[in-house]
C-alpha atoms as a PDB file:
ATOM      1  CA  MET A   1     111.801  88.445  68.846  1.00  0.00           C
ATOM      2  CA  ASP A   2     111.593  92.056  70.214  1.00  0.00           C
ATOM      3  CA  LEU A   3     108.510  94.043  70.288  1.00  0.00           C
ATOM      4  CA  ALA A   4     109.023  96.114  67.257  1.00  0.00           C
ATOM      5  CA  LYS A   5     109.738  93.151  65.113  1.00  0.00           C
ATOM      6  CA  ARG A   6     106.737  91.393  66.340  1.00  0.00           C
ATOM      7  CA  ARG A   7     104.521  94.129  65.413  1.00  0.00           C
ATOM      8  CA  ARG A   8     106.090  94.548  62.012  1.00  0.00           C
ATOM      9  CA  SER A   9     105.350  90.946  61.285  1.00  0.00           C
ATOM     10  CA  PHE A  10     101.704  91.284  62.574  1.00  0.00           C
ATOM     11  CA  ARG A  11      99.662  91.510  59.346  1.00  0.00           C
ATOM     12  CA  PRO A  12      96.292  89.891  59.914  1.00  0.00           C
ATOM     13  CA  ARG A  13      94.508  87.778  57.395  1.00  0.00           C
ATOM     14  CA  TYR A  14      90.927  86.811  58.255  1.00  0.00           C
ATOM     15  CA  THR A  15      88.829  83.811  57.623  1.00  0.00           C
ATOM     16  CA  GLN A  16      85.353  83.854  56.128  1.00  0.00           C
ATOM     17  CA  ALA A  17      82.880  85.282  58.650  1.00  0.00           C
ATOM     18  CA  MET A  18      79.612  83.402  59.518  1.00  0.00           C
ATOM     19  CA  GLN A  19      81.284  80.005  60.027  1.00  0.00           C
ATOM     20  CA  THR A  20      80.089  77.263  62.261  1.00  0.00           C
ATOM     21  CA  ILE A  21      82.465  76.014  65.067  1.00  0.00           C
ATOM     22  CA  ARG A  22      84.197  73.063  63.370  1.00  0.00           C
ATOM     23  CA  MET A  23      87.941  73.413  63.500  1.00  0.00           C
ATOM     24  CA  HIS A  24      88.573  72.100  66.851  1.00  0.00           C
ATOM     25  CA  PRO A  25      89.113  68.675  68.399  1.00  0.00           C
ATOM     26  CA  VAL A  26      85.482  68.415  69.779  1.00  0.00           C
ATOM     27  CA  ASP A  27      82.569  69.130  67.613  1.00  0.00           C
ATOM     28  CA  LEU A  28      80.418  71.575  69.743  1.00  0.00           C
ATOM     29  CA  THR A  29      77.671  71.885  67.167  1.00  0.00           C
ATOM     30  CA  SER A  30      76.728  68.122  67.279  1.00  0.00           C
ATOM     31  CA  THR A  31      73.305  67.481  68.830  1.00  0.00           C
ATOM     32  CA  PRO A  32      72.991  64.755  71.552  1.00  0.00           C
ATOM     33  CA  THR A  33      71.076  61.668  70.072  1.00  0.00           C
ATOM     34  CA  THR A  34      68.255  62.126  72.646  1.00  0.00           C
ATOM     35  CA  SER A  35      67.256  65.389  70.951  1.00  0.00           C
ATOM     36  CA  SER A  36      65.671  65.816  67.540  1.00  0.00           C
ATOM     37  CA  THR A  37      65.331  69.531  67.637  1.00  0.00           C
ATOM     38  CA  SER A  38      68.356  70.223  65.470  1.00  0.00           C
ATOM     39  CA  GLU A  39      67.055  67.982  62.676  1.00  0.00           C
ATOM     40  CA  ASP A  40      64.011  70.140  62.201  1.00  0.00           C
ATOM     41  CA  GLY A  41      65.940  73.466  62.684  1.00  0.00           C
ATOM     42  CA  SER A  42      64.210  74.425  65.842  1.00  0.00           C
ATOM     43  CA  ALA A  43      67.040  74.111  68.286  1.00  0.00           C
ATOM     44  CA  PRO A  44      67.883  77.217  70.051  1.00  0.00           C
ATOM     45  CA  PHE A  45      71.437  78.513  69.756  1.00  0.00           C
ATOM     46  CA  VAL A  46      73.917  81.357  70.360  1.00  0.00           C
ATOM     47  CA  LEU A  47      75.657  83.306  67.409  1.00  0.00           C
ATOM     48  CA  VAL A  48      78.750  85.088  67.781  1.00  0.00           C
ATOM     49  CA  LEU A  49      78.288  88.481  66.312  1.00  0.00           C
ATOM     50  CA  GLY A  50      81.750  90.073  67.160  1.00  0.00           C
ATOM     51  CA  THR A  51      84.985  89.290  68.949  1.00  0.00           C
ATOM     52  CA  THR A  52      87.196  92.325  69.598  1.00  0.00           C
ATOM     53  CA  GLN A  53      87.687  94.618  72.438  1.00  0.00           C
ATOM     54  CA  ASP A  54      85.803  97.879  72.688  1.00  0.00           C
ATOM     55  CA  GLY A  55      87.890  99.799  70.199  1.00  0.00           C
ATOM     56  CA  GLY A  56      87.549  97.212  67.483  1.00  0.00           C
ATOM     57  CA  HIS A  57      90.038  96.387  64.807  1.00  0.00           C
ATOM     58  CA  PRO A  58      91.560  98.334  63.149  1.00  0.00           C
ATOM     59  CA  GLN A  59      91.589 100.648  66.201  1.00  0.00           C
ATOM     60  CA  ILE A  60      91.392 104.428  65.907  1.00  0.00           C
ATOM     61  CA  GLY A  61      94.841 106.079  65.895  1.00  0.00           C
ATOM     62  CA  CYS A  62      96.719 102.971  65.719  1.00  0.00           C
ATOM     63  CA  LYS A  63      99.629 103.090  63.271  1.00  0.00           C
ATOM     64  CA  LEU A  64     101.289  99.863  64.238  1.00  0.00           C
ATOM     65  CA  ASP A  65     101.300  97.012  61.631  1.00  0.00           C
ATOM     66  CA  CYS A  66      98.560  95.261  63.372  1.00  0.00           C
ATOM     67  CA  CYS A  67      96.192  98.042  62.273  1.00  0.00           C
ATOM     68  CA  HIS A  68      98.074  99.948  59.593  1.00  0.00           C
ATOM     69  CA  GLY A  69      96.719  99.542  56.093  1.00  0.00           C
ATOM     70  CA  HIS A  70      93.530  97.667  57.086  1.00  0.00           C
ATOM     71  CA  ARG A  71      90.387  99.182  55.856  1.00  0.00           C
ATOM     72  CA  GLN A  72      86.605  98.349  55.919  1.00  0.00           C
ATOM     73  CA  GLN A  73      87.029  94.862  54.325  1.00  0.00           C
ATOM     74  CA  ASP A  74      89.274  93.764  57.102  1.00  0.00           C
ATOM     75  CA  ARG A  75      87.307  95.310  59.989  1.00  0.00           C
ATOM     76  CA  GLN A  76      86.733  93.084  63.023  1.00  0.00           C
ATOM     77  CA  LEU A  77      83.400  93.725  64.913  1.00  0.00           C
ATOM     78  CA  ILE A  78      83.231  94.251  68.707  1.00  0.00           C
ATOM     79  CA  ALA A  79      82.253  91.448  71.072  1.00  0.00           C
ATOM     80  CA  SER A  80      78.617  90.544  71.151  1.00  0.00           C
ATOM     81  CA  LEU A  81      76.423  87.492  71.273  1.00  0.00           C
ATOM     82  CA  ALA A  82      72.899  86.737  70.037  1.00  0.00           C
ATOM     83  CA  ILE A  83      70.689  84.137  71.667  1.00  0.00           C
ATOM     84  CA  VAL A  84      68.041  82.734  69.076  1.00  0.00           C
ATOM     85  CA  ASP A  85      65.085  80.422  69.420  1.00  0.00           C
ATOM     86  CA  PRO A  86      63.897  79.350  65.915  1.00  0.00           C
ATOM     87  CA  ARG A  87      60.850  77.605  67.416  1.00  0.00           C
ATOM     88  CA  SER A  88      59.312  80.839  68.903  1.00  0.00           C
ATOM     89  CA  GLY A  89      61.249  83.267  66.583  1.00  0.00           C
ATOM     90  CA  GLU A  90      62.602  85.159  69.638  1.00  0.00           C
ATOM     91  CA  ARG A  91      66.064  86.819  69.458  1.00  0.00           C
ATOM     92  CA  TRP A  92      68.006  88.534  72.292  1.00  0.00           C
ATOM     93  CA  LEU A  93      71.341  90.278  72.313  1.00  0.00           C
ATOM     94  CA  VAL A  94      74.088  90.113  74.914  1.00  0.00           C
ATOM     95  CA  ASP A  95      75.924  93.422  75.075  1.00  0.00           C
ATOM     96  CA  ALA A  96      75.082  96.257  72.426  1.00  0.00           C
ATOM     97  CA  SER A  97      78.197  97.205  70.875  1.00  0.00           C
ATOM     98  CA  PRO A  98      78.911 100.253  68.587  1.00  0.00           C
ATOM     99  CA  ASP A  99      78.838  97.779  65.622  1.00  0.00           C
ATOM    100  CA  LEU A 100      75.081  97.037  66.298  1.00  0.00           C
ATOM    101  CA  PRO A 101      73.805  97.916  62.845  1.00  0.00           C
ATOM    102  CA  GLU A 102      76.247  95.471  61.121  1.00  0.00           C
ATOM    103  CA  GLN A 103      75.588  92.925  63.752  1.00  0.00           C
ATOM    104  CA  LEU A 104      71.899  93.103  63.395  1.00  0.00           C
ATOM    105  CA  ARG A 105      72.322  92.626  59.656  1.00  0.00           C
ATOM    106  CA  ASP A 106      74.144  89.389  60.424  1.00  0.00           C
ATOM    107  CA  LEU A 107      71.457  88.296  62.751  1.00  0.00           C
ATOM    108  CA  GLU A 108      68.901  89.100  60.018  1.00  0.00           C
ATOM    109  CA  ASP A 109      70.739  87.102  57.576  1.00  0.00           C
ATOM    110  CA  CYS A 110      70.823  84.182  59.954  1.00  0.00           C
ATOM    111  CA  CYS A 111      67.285  84.408  61.172  1.00  0.00           C
ATOM    112  CA  PRO A 112      65.146  87.009  59.379  1.00  0.00           C
ATOM    113  CA  ARG A 113      62.024  88.767  60.767  1.00  0.00           C
ATOM    114  CA  SER A 114      59.179  90.577  59.056  1.00  0.00           C
ATOM    115  CA  GLN A 115      59.109  94.385  59.058  1.00  0.00           C
ATOM    116  CA  GLU A 116      56.168  94.286  61.380  1.00  0.00           C
ATOM    117  CA  GLN A 117      58.079  92.421  64.199  1.00  0.00           C
ATOM    118  CA  ALA A 118      60.320  93.961  66.810  1.00  0.00           C
ATOM    119  CA  THR A 119      64.027  93.849  65.864  1.00  0.00           C
ATOM    120  CA  LEU A 120      64.900  92.295  69.186  1.00  0.00           C
ATOM    121  CA  ASP A 121      63.235  90.667  72.207  1.00  0.00           C
ATOM    122  CA  GLY A 122      65.640  92.244  74.545  1.00  0.00           C
ATOM    123  CA  ILE A 123      69.123  93.097  75.311  1.00  0.00           C
ATOM    124  CA  PHE A 124      71.299  92.113  78.155  1.00  0.00           C
ATOM    125  CA  LEU A 125      74.252  94.429  79.320  1.00  0.00           C
ATOM    126  CA  THR A 126      77.299  93.305  81.138  1.00  0.00           C
ATOM    127  CA  HIS A 127      78.770  96.765  82.138  1.00  0.00           C
ATOM    128  CA  ALA A 128      79.202 100.376  81.213  1.00  0.00           C
ATOM    129  CA  HIS A 129      82.514 100.256  79.058  1.00  0.00           C
ATOM    130  CA  ILE A 130      81.921 101.632  75.624  1.00  0.00           C
ATOM    131  CA  GLY A 131      81.918  98.372  73.694  1.00  0.00           C
ATOM    132  CA  HIS A 132      79.117  96.854  75.604  1.00  0.00           C
ATOM    133  CA  TYR A 133      76.339  99.435  75.727  1.00  0.00           C
ATOM    134  CA  THR A 134      76.903 102.335  73.364  1.00  0.00           C
ATOM    135  CA  GLY A 135      75.075 100.394  70.508  1.00  0.00           C
ATOM    136  CA  LEU A 136      71.876 101.453  72.352  1.00  0.00           C
ATOM    137  CA  MET A 137      72.090 104.843  70.657  1.00  0.00           C
ATOM    138  CA  TYR A 138      70.895 103.230  67.405  1.00  0.00           C
ATOM    139  CA  LEU A 139      67.626 102.383  69.152  1.00  0.00           C
ATOM    140  CA  GLY A 140      66.748 106.150  69.351  1.00  0.00           C
ATOM    141  CA  ARG A 141      64.483 108.274  67.251  1.00  0.00           C
ATOM    142  CA  GLU A 142      67.607 109.439  65.116  1.00  0.00           C
ATOM    143  CA  ALA A 143      67.879 105.776  63.924  1.00  0.00           C
ATOM    144  CA  LEU A 144      65.748 102.625  64.677  1.00  0.00           C
ATOM    145  CA  GLY A 145      63.209 104.306  66.894  1.00  0.00           C
ATOM    146  CA  SER A 146      62.400 101.167  68.707  1.00  0.00           C
ATOM    147  CA  ARG A 147      59.422 101.002  70.973  1.00  0.00           C
ATOM    148  CA  GLY A 148      59.981  99.605  74.540  1.00  0.00           C
ATOM    149  CA  THR A 149      62.754  97.262  73.760  1.00  0.00           C
ATOM    150  CA  PRO A 150      63.544  95.457  77.065  1.00  0.00           C
ATOM    151  CA  VAL A 151      67.125  96.177  78.333  1.00  0.00           C
ATOM    152  CA  TRP A 152      68.182  94.003  81.293  1.00  0.00           C
ATOM    153  CA  ALA A 153      71.055  95.606  83.444  1.00  0.00           C
ATOM    154  CA  MET A 154      72.316  95.469  86.954  1.00  0.00           C
ATOM    155  CA  PRO A 155      71.372  98.278  89.567  1.00  0.00           C
ATOM    156  CA  ASP A 156      74.363 100.720  88.930  1.00  0.00           C
ATOM    157  CA  MET A 157      74.033 100.068  85.196  1.00  0.00           C
ATOM    158  CA  ARG A 158      70.376 100.926  85.285  1.00  0.00           C
ATOM    159  CA  ARG A 159      71.098 104.125  87.222  1.00  0.00           C
ATOM    160  CA  PHE A 160      73.716 105.087  84.729  1.00  0.00           C
ATOM    161  CA  LEU A 161      71.364 104.823  81.949  1.00  0.00           C
ATOM    162  CA  ARG A 162      68.436 106.598  83.628  1.00  0.00           C
ATOM    163  CA  GLU A 163      70.554 109.540  85.058  1.00  0.00           C
ATOM    164  CA  ASN A 164      72.951 110.293  82.072  1.00  0.00           C
ATOM    165  CA  GLY A 165      72.180 111.545  78.572  1.00  0.00           C
ATOM    166  CA  PRO A 166      71.819 110.639  75.870  1.00  0.00           C
ATOM    167  CA  TRP A 167      70.759 107.340  77.344  1.00  0.00           C
ATOM    168  CA  SER A 168      68.158 108.937  79.537  1.00  0.00           C
ATOM    169  CA  GLN A 169      66.285 110.057  76.571  1.00  0.00           C
ATOM    170  CA  LEU A 170      65.990 106.514  75.287  1.00  0.00           C
ATOM    171  CA  VAL A 171      64.334 105.782  78.606  1.00  0.00           C
ATOM    172  CA  ASP A 172      62.171 109.012  78.660  1.00  0.00           C
ATOM    173  CA  LEU A 173      61.005 108.433  75.036  1.00  0.00           C
ATOM    174  CA  GLN A 174      60.243 104.729  75.807  1.00  0.00           C
ATOM    175  CA  ASN A 175      62.710 103.544  73.116  1.00  0.00           C
ATOM    176  CA  ILE A 176      63.938 101.251  75.818  1.00  0.00           C
ATOM    177  CA  HIS A 177      62.477  99.746  78.916  1.00  0.00           C
ATOM    178  CA  LEU A 178      64.831  99.018  81.675  1.00  0.00           C
ATOM    179  CA  MET A 179      64.596  95.593  83.434  1.00  0.00           C
ATOM    180  CA  ALA A 180      66.110  94.600  86.536  1.00  0.00           C
ATOM    181  CA  LEU A 181      69.079  92.150  86.704  1.00  0.00           C
ATOM    182  CA  ASP A 182      70.304  90.793  90.256  1.00  0.00           C
ATOM    183  CA  ASP A 183      73.487  88.732  90.952  1.00  0.00           C
ATOM    184  CA  GLY A 184      72.657  85.102  90.737  1.00  0.00           C
ATOM    185  CA  GLU A 185      68.960  85.626  89.788  1.00  0.00           C
ATOM    186  CA  VAL A 186      67.755  83.629  86.774  1.00  0.00           C
ATOM    187  CA  VAL A 187      65.780  85.283  84.051  1.00  0.00           C
ATOM    188  CA  GLN A 188      63.567  82.909  82.368  1.00  0.00           C
ATOM    189  CA  LEU A 189      63.479  83.978  78.625  1.00  0.00           C
ATOM    190  CA  ASN A 190      60.913  81.290  77.592  1.00  0.00           C
ATOM    191  CA  ASP A 191      59.994  77.711  78.404  1.00  0.00           C
ATOM    192  CA  ARG A 192      63.355  76.452  77.360  1.00  0.00           C
ATOM    193  CA  LEU A 193      65.953  79.204  77.627  1.00  0.00           C
ATOM    194  CA  SER A 194      67.267  81.070  80.701  1.00  0.00           C
ATOM    195  CA  LEU A 195      69.928  83.497  81.599  1.00  0.00           C
ATOM    196  CA  GLN A 196      71.625  84.154  84.848  1.00  0.00           C
ATOM    197  CA  PRO A 197      74.075  87.026  85.651  1.00  0.00           C
ATOM    198  CA  PHE A 198      77.077  86.652  87.976  1.00  0.00           C
ATOM    199  CA  LEU A 199      79.162  89.550  89.370  1.00  0.00           C
ATOM    200  CA  VAL A 200      82.913  89.631  88.534  1.00  0.00           C
ATOM    201  CA  PRO A 201      85.613  92.072  89.571  1.00  0.00           C
ATOM    202  CA  HIS A 202      86.260  94.619  86.783  1.00  0.00           C
ATOM    203  CA  ARG A 203      87.051  98.349  86.599  1.00  0.00           C
ATOM    204  CA  ALA A 204      83.837  99.893  87.979  1.00  0.00           C
ATOM    205  CA  GLU A 205      84.047 103.495  86.925  1.00  0.00           C
ATOM    206  CA  PHE A 206      80.234 103.785  86.147  1.00  0.00           C
ATOM    207  CA  SER A 207      78.799 100.293  86.922  1.00  0.00           C
ATOM    208  CA  GLU A 208      79.328  96.868  88.100  1.00  0.00           C
ATOM    209  CA  THR A 209      80.311  94.067  85.663  1.00  0.00           C
ATOM    210  CA  VAL A 210      78.635  90.767  85.165  1.00  0.00           C
ATOM    211  CA  GLY A 211      79.105  87.620  83.062  1.00  0.00           C
ATOM    212  CA  PHE A 212      76.105  85.562  81.982  1.00  0.00           C
ATOM    213  CA  LEU A 213      75.265  81.842  82.242  1.00  0.00           C
ATOM    214  CA  ILE A 214      72.908  81.048  79.289  1.00  0.00           C
ATOM    215  CA  ARG A 215      71.144  77.666  79.631  1.00  0.00           C
ATOM    216  CA  GLY A 216      68.997  75.769  76.908  1.00  0.00           C
ATOM    217  CA  PRO A 217      67.436  72.371  76.892  1.00  0.00           C
ATOM    218  CA  ALA A 218      70.573  70.500  77.070  1.00  0.00           C
ATOM    219  CA  ARG A 219      73.532  72.882  76.948  1.00  0.00           C
ATOM    220  CA  ALA A 220      74.884  75.884  78.624  1.00  0.00           C
ATOM    221  CA  VAL A 221      77.216  78.688  77.668  1.00  0.00           C
ATOM    222  CA  ALA A 222      79.125  81.141  79.726  1.00  0.00           C
ATOM    223  CA  TRP A 223      79.625  84.777  78.362  1.00  0.00           C
ATOM    224  CA  LEU A 224      82.521  86.347  80.213  1.00  0.00           C
ATOM    225  CA  PRO A 225      84.439  88.845  77.949  1.00  0.00           C
ATOM    226  CA  ASP A 226      85.689  91.247  80.811  1.00  0.00           C
ATOM    227  CA  ILE A 227      87.382  90.436  84.199  1.00  0.00           C
ATOM    228  CA  ASP A 228      90.424  92.078  85.846  1.00  0.00           C
ATOM    229  CA  GLN A 229      92.208  88.819  86.919  1.00  0.00           C
ATOM    230  CA  TRP A 230      91.098  85.255  87.755  1.00  0.00           C
ATOM    231  CA  GLY A 231      92.737  85.594  91.159  1.00  0.00           C
ATOM    232  CA  ARG A 232      90.529  88.481  92.112  1.00  0.00           C
ATOM    233  CA  TRP A 233      87.269  86.597  91.482  1.00  0.00           C
ATOM    234  CA  SER A 234      85.799  84.731  94.445  1.00  0.00           C
ATOM    235  CA  ARG A 235      84.961  81.788  92.217  1.00  0.00           C
ATOM    236  CA  PRO A 236      87.648  79.585  90.564  1.00  0.00           C
ATOM    237  CA  VAL A 237      87.293  79.848  86.817  1.00  0.00           C
ATOM    238  CA  GLU A 238      87.868  76.096  86.579  1.00  0.00           C
ATOM    239  CA  GLU A 239      84.449  75.591  88.207  1.00  0.00           C
ATOM    240  CA  LEU A 240      82.808  77.668  85.680  1.00  0.00           C
ATOM    241  CA  VAL A 241      84.294  76.258  82.628  1.00  0.00           C
ATOM    242  CA  GLN A 242      83.375  72.669  83.918  1.00  0.00           C
ATOM    243  CA  GLU A 243      79.758  73.768  84.554  1.00  0.00           C
ATOM    244  CA  VAL A 244      79.046  74.770  80.826  1.00  0.00           C
ATOM    245  CA  ASP A 245      79.605  73.269  77.388  1.00  0.00           C
ATOM    246  CA  LEU A 246      81.048  76.467  75.843  1.00  0.00           C
ATOM    247  CA  ALA A 247      82.837  79.155  77.816  1.00  0.00           C
ATOM    248  CA  LEU A 248      83.462  82.408  75.967  1.00  0.00           C
ATOM    249  CA  LEU A 249      86.368  83.866  78.269  1.00  0.00           C
ATOM    250  CA  ASP A 250      88.195  87.289  78.350  1.00  0.00           C
ATOM    251  CA  GLY A 251      91.129  86.910  75.818  1.00  0.00           C
ATOM    252  CA  THR A 252      91.797  90.603  75.518  1.00  0.00           C
ATOM    253  CA  PHE A 253      95.659  90.237  75.543  1.00  0.00           C
ATOM    254  CA  TYR A 254      97.674  87.216  74.615  1.00  0.00           C
ATOM    255  CA  ARG A 255     100.948  88.257  76.531  1.00  0.00           C
ATOM    256  CA  ARG A 256     102.268  90.975  78.736  1.00  0.00           C
ATOM    257  CA  ASP A 257     104.255  93.013  76.261  1.00  0.00           C
ATOM    258  CA  GLU A 258     101.494  93.904  73.787  1.00  0.00           C
ATOM    259  CA  LEU A 259     101.146  97.493  74.922  1.00  0.00           C
ATOM    260  CA  GLU A 260     103.613 100.317  75.263  1.00  0.00           C
ATOM    261  CA  ARG A 261     101.896 101.711  78.275  1.00  0.00           C
ATOM    262  CA  ASP A 262     101.255 100.087  81.718  1.00  0.00           C
ATOM    263  CA  MET A 263      99.089  97.116  81.136  1.00  0.00           C
ATOM    264  CA  ASN A 264      98.128  97.447  84.896  1.00  0.00           C
ATOM    265  CA  GLU A 265      95.856 100.435  83.922  1.00  0.00           C
ATOM    266  CA  VAL A 266      93.647  97.863  81.882  1.00  0.00           C
ATOM    267  CA  PRO A 267      93.897  94.672  83.821  1.00  0.00           C
ATOM    268  CA  HIS A 268      92.837  91.455  82.066  1.00  0.00           C
ATOM    269  CA  PRO A 269      93.866  87.839  82.298  1.00  0.00           C
ATOM    270  CA  LEU A 270      96.472  87.049  79.613  1.00  0.00           C
ATOM    271  CA  ILE A 271      95.566  84.142  77.342  1.00  0.00           C
ATOM    272  CA  VAL A 272      98.756  82.449  78.141  1.00  0.00           C
ATOM    273  CA  GLU A 273      98.049  82.774  81.904  1.00  0.00           C
ATOM    274  CA  SER A 274      94.554  81.451  81.424  1.00  0.00           C
ATOM    275  CA  MET A 275      95.815  78.424  79.411  1.00  0.00           C
ATOM    276  CA  ASP A 276      98.366  77.602  82.213  1.00  0.00           C
ATOM    277  CA  ARG A 277      95.661  77.770  84.848  1.00  0.00           C
ATOM    278  CA  LEU A 278      93.115  75.571  82.989  1.00  0.00           C
ATOM    279  CA  ALA A 279      95.927  73.154  81.601  1.00  0.00           C
ATOM    280  CA  ALA A 280      95.073  70.277  83.889  1.00  0.00           C
ATOM    281  CA  LEU A 281      91.559  70.115  82.982  1.00  0.00           C
ATOM    282  CA  PRO A 282      90.199  67.330  80.704  1.00  0.00           C
ATOM    283  CA  ASP A 283      90.632  67.638  76.906  1.00  0.00           C
ATOM    284  CA  GLN A 284      86.867  68.093  76.411  1.00  0.00           C
ATOM    285  CA  VAL A 285      86.563  70.828  78.950  1.00  0.00           C
ATOM    286  CA  ARG A 286      89.688  72.695  77.439  1.00  0.00           C
ATOM    287  CA  ALA A 287      87.940  72.197  74.049  1.00  0.00           C
ATOM    288  CA  GLY A 288      84.895  73.989  75.193  1.00  0.00           C
ATOM    289  CA  VAL A 289      86.907  77.210  76.008  1.00  0.00           C
ATOM    290  CA  ARG A 290      86.806  79.869  73.314  1.00  0.00           C
ATOM    291  CA  PHE A 291      88.766  83.111  74.105  1.00  0.00           C
ATOM    292  CA  ILE A 292      87.066  86.315  72.931  1.00  0.00           C
ATOM    293  CA  HIS A 293      87.293  90.124  73.337  1.00  0.00           C
ATOM    294  CA  PHE A 294      90.589  90.513  71.456  1.00  0.00           C
ATOM    295  CA  ASN A 295      92.405  93.746  71.686  1.00  0.00           C
ATOM    296  CA  HIS A 296      93.759  95.082  68.333  1.00  0.00           C
ATOM    297  CA  THR A 297      97.323  94.132  69.306  1.00  0.00           C
ATOM    298  CA  ASN A 298      96.456  90.586  70.093  1.00  0.00           C
ATOM    299  CA  PRO A 299      97.994  88.331  67.621  1.00  0.00           C
ATOM    300  CA  ALA A 300      95.224  85.718  68.141  1.00  0.00           C
ATOM    301  CA  LEU A 301      93.218  87.870  65.800  1.00  0.00           C
ATOM    302  CA  ARG A 302      95.263  86.361  62.929  1.00  0.00           C
ATOM    303  CA  GLU A 303      94.415  82.797  61.869  1.00  0.00           C
ATOM    304  CA  ASP A 304      97.974  82.057  60.882  1.00  0.00           C
ATOM    305  CA  SER A 305      99.816  83.479  63.863  1.00  0.00           C
ATOM    306  CA  GLU A 306     102.056  81.538  66.028  1.00  0.00           C
ATOM    307  CA  ALA A 307      99.677  82.507  68.965  1.00  0.00           C
ATOM    308  CA  THR A 308      96.598  81.039  67.206  1.00  0.00           C
ATOM    309  CA  GLN A 309      98.595  77.842  66.595  1.00  0.00           C
ATOM    310  CA  ALA A 310      99.758  77.557  70.035  1.00  0.00           C
ATOM    311  CA  ILE A 311      96.337  78.224  71.476  1.00  0.00           C
ATOM    312  CA  ARG A 312      94.925  75.306  69.432  1.00  0.00           C
ATOM    313  CA  ALA A 313      97.741  73.071  70.125  1.00  0.00           C
ATOM    314  CA  ARG A 314      97.093  73.284  73.777  1.00  0.00           C
ATOM    315  CA  GLY A 315      93.384  72.233  73.236  1.00  0.00           C
ATOM    316  CA  PHE A 316      91.735  75.615  73.444  1.00  0.00           C
ATOM    317  CA  GLY A 317      89.905  77.694  70.818  1.00  0.00           C
ATOM    318  CA  LEU A 318      89.128  81.180  69.651  1.00  0.00           C
ATOM    319  CA  ALA A 319      85.707  82.677  69.016  1.00  0.00           C
ATOM    320  CA  ARG A 320      85.016  83.904  65.524  1.00  0.00           C
ATOM    321  CA  ARG A 321      82.293  86.085  64.071  1.00  0.00           C
ATOM    322  CA  GLY A 322      79.648  83.840  62.819  1.00  0.00           C
ATOM    323  CA  ASP A 323      80.375  80.883  65.263  1.00  0.00           C
ATOM    324  CA  ARG A 324      77.069  79.070  66.130  1.00  0.00           C
ATOM    325  CA  PHE A 325      76.512  76.747  69.062  1.00  0.00           C
ATOM    326  CA  SER A 326      73.451  74.711  69.536  1.00  0.00           C
ATOM    327  CA  LEU A 327      71.829  74.703  73.086  1.00  0.00           C
ATOM    328  CA  CYS A 328      70.274  71.329  72.426  1.00  0.00           C
END
């Protein structure tokens, strides 16, 4: 099928948000029998708050069938992840997207806090592309007016926020407090949760880019929504996905012909290439891979697309808003 016909046939239908991961061969929400924390609701978990690339879906200016005719009720939120510890009541955010207000409402619906409590216990940033940090604007005095919200970032990312407005105003007015991240250095969130950044190659116009390893009492999650190509990274991605129980990986594009411009300008590993590379891994490892950060042209956004069916047929998965994964 040619590109024009594919785009004419791309009319997304979306599943109910806030669902638990349950449609794949391996039940990633089940709790090991050695732990009782899930039974009393105290198990820490991660919650997917959004899944699209920085421009969201429908995307501004797009008149293709992948976006045309879609309105607010169809909107897909930009990729972001929450880390929640129900026992302590703590909540952290990984990447502050432009959809932050709606994503905080989702988080509040999931695990509410009183008006007196801080909205978040901290935010971890991967890099300085618009879908990953510009939600910080809502922490300023024009909106939330937060007080000293910790924002963890790598050296170039911290410098970018300190030296460029309007972000520098958030620092000056102490809406945010910049915290240092370093490649490979573990940040201990509390007595049972930690986070570790790792550098990856990605367009570095304003900052370096990192992914994160999030570790709980019994399980680990990798957050890696952006990378140029697997072959440009010093570490084999096969090692990463075997180290964790859930790997949320860059799935920006499904195939090479999605854009009418040169896709080398915005390099990302194609989902079809990632599946080929990981095909030899055991079934259980592949079942723990969830693609995320979908471009508006990506047919994997649509539940009934051939792409979605092909991905699942090969034993992989797709992240959806509301997916929840226990760390116990």
